Amino acid sequence: MGLTALAVNPSWAASSLTGRKTDGSLYISKRPAPGDRNFRSAAVEQTIARVKARIKDPKLAWMFENCFPNTLDTTISFSMQN
């Protein structure tokens, strides 16, 4: 982030350093609701939970939770046919 952007939005620095939004809340998932996802997999959800638990930085864990399954959640169109 450039200095101009930081001057316009100084709260970015505070939220980046604390791992919390400036309003004090924890990072929340931005993933679609399970019913709105194009593809659902217990293995993917277990992997997210396992890896996220090992990431010590709250912001990085939040980013992983949202980015790792992004293509599956929003792009893949999956159905089973007999």
Protein backbone atom coordinates (compact mmCIF):
# COMPACT_ATOMS: atom_id res chain seq x y z
CA MET A 1 0.00 0.00 0.00
CA GLY A 2 1.41 3.37 -0.96
CA LEU A 3 1.81 6.31 1.37
CA THR A 4 -1.04 8.17 -0.31
CA ALA A 5 -3.43 5.32 0.39
CA LEU A 6 -2.20 5.12 3.97
CA ALA A 7 -2.80 8.84 4.41
CA VAL A 8 -6.33 8.46 3.08
CA ASN A 9 -7.05 5.34 5.15
CA PRO A 10 -4.83 5.30 8.27
CA SER A 11 -7.05 2.66 9.89
CA TRP A 12 -5.50 0.15 7.48
CA ALA A 13 -2.25 0.23 9.46
CA ALA A 14 -4.02 -0.33 12.76
CA SER A 15 -6.06 -3.25 11.47
CA SER A 16 -3.03 -4.83 9.79
CA LEU A 17 -0.97 -4.70 12.95
CA THR A 18 -3.62 -5.88 15.39
CA GLY A 19 -5.26 -8.63 13.34
CA ARG A 20 -8.62 -7.03 14.02
CA LYS A 21 -10.78 -4.59 12.16
CA THR A 22 -10.66 -1.08 13.55
CA ASP A 23 -14.12 -1.55 15.06
CA GLY A 24 -12.63 -4.28 17.29
CA SER A 25 -14.33 -7.27 15.67
CA LEU A 26 -12.47 -10.36 14.55
CA TYR A 27 -12.07 -11.14 10.88
CA ILE A 28 -15.20 -12.83 9.55
CA SER A 29 -15.55 -15.22 6.64
CA LYS A 30 -16.56 -13.68 3.34
CA ARG A 31 -17.37 -17.04 1.76
CA PRO A 32 -20.81 -17.66 0.32
CA ALA A 33 -23.24 -19.43 2.64
CA PRO A 34 -22.90 -23.23 2.29
CA GLY A 35 -26.18 -23.44 0.37
CA ASP A 36 -24.98 -20.81 -2.11
CA ARG A 37 -21.68 -22.52 -2.92
CA ASN A 38 -21.31 -24.26 -6.26
CA PHE A 39 -19.30 -27.12 -4.76
CA ARG A 40 -19.18 -28.49 -1.22
CA SER A 41 -16.62 -30.92 0.14
CA ALA A 42 -16.04 -32.16 3.67
CA ALA A 43 -12.37 -32.71 2.76
CA VAL A 44 -11.97 -29.06 1.74
CA GLU A 45 -13.66 -27.83 4.92
CA GLN A 46 -11.48 -30.11 7.07
CA THR A 47 -8.35 -28.86 5.30
CA ILE A 48 -9.36 -25.24 5.85
CA ALA A 49 -9.97 -25.88 9.56
CA ARG A 50 -6.69 -27.80 9.97
CA VAL A 51 -4.50 -25.29 8.15
CA LYS A 52 -6.23 -22.24 9.62
CA ALA A 53 -5.61 -23.57 13.14
CA ARG A 54 -1.87 -23.69 12.41
CA ILE A 55 -1.62 -20.14 11.08
CA LYS A 56 -0.74 -17.82 13.94
CA ASP A 57 -1.45 -14.52 12.17
CA PRO A 58 -5.23 -13.89 12.32
CA LYS A 59 -5.28 -11.88 9.11
CA LEU A 60 -3.34 -14.53 7.18
CA ALA A 61 -5.63 -17.27 8.56
CA TRP A 62 -8.65 -15.24 7.45
CA MET A 63 -7.14 -14.77 4.00
CA PHE A 64 -6.47 -18.51 3.69
CA GLU A 65 -10.03 -19.35 4.77
CA ASN A 66 -11.44 -17.06 2.10
CA CYS A 67 -8.96 -17.56 -0.75
CA PHE A 68 -8.18 -21.29 -0.67
CA PRO A 69 -11.73 -22.46 -1.54
CA ASN A 70 -12.66 -19.46 -3.69
CA THR A 71 -12.67 -21.22 -7.06
CA LEU A 72 -14.65 -24.15 -5.70
CA ASP A 73 -17.17 -21.90 -3.96
CA THR A 74 -17.87 -19.58 -6.86
CA THR A 75 -16.66 -20.93 -10.20
CA ILE A 76 -16.90 -24.70 -10.36
CA SER A 77 -20.25 -26.04 -11.47
CA PHE A 78 -20.62 -29.56 -10.12
CA SER A 79 -23.41 -32.08 -10.43
CA MET A 80 -23.70 -35.84 -10.50
CA GLN A 81 -25.69 -37.60 -13.17
CA ASN A 82 -26.58 -41.27 -13.43
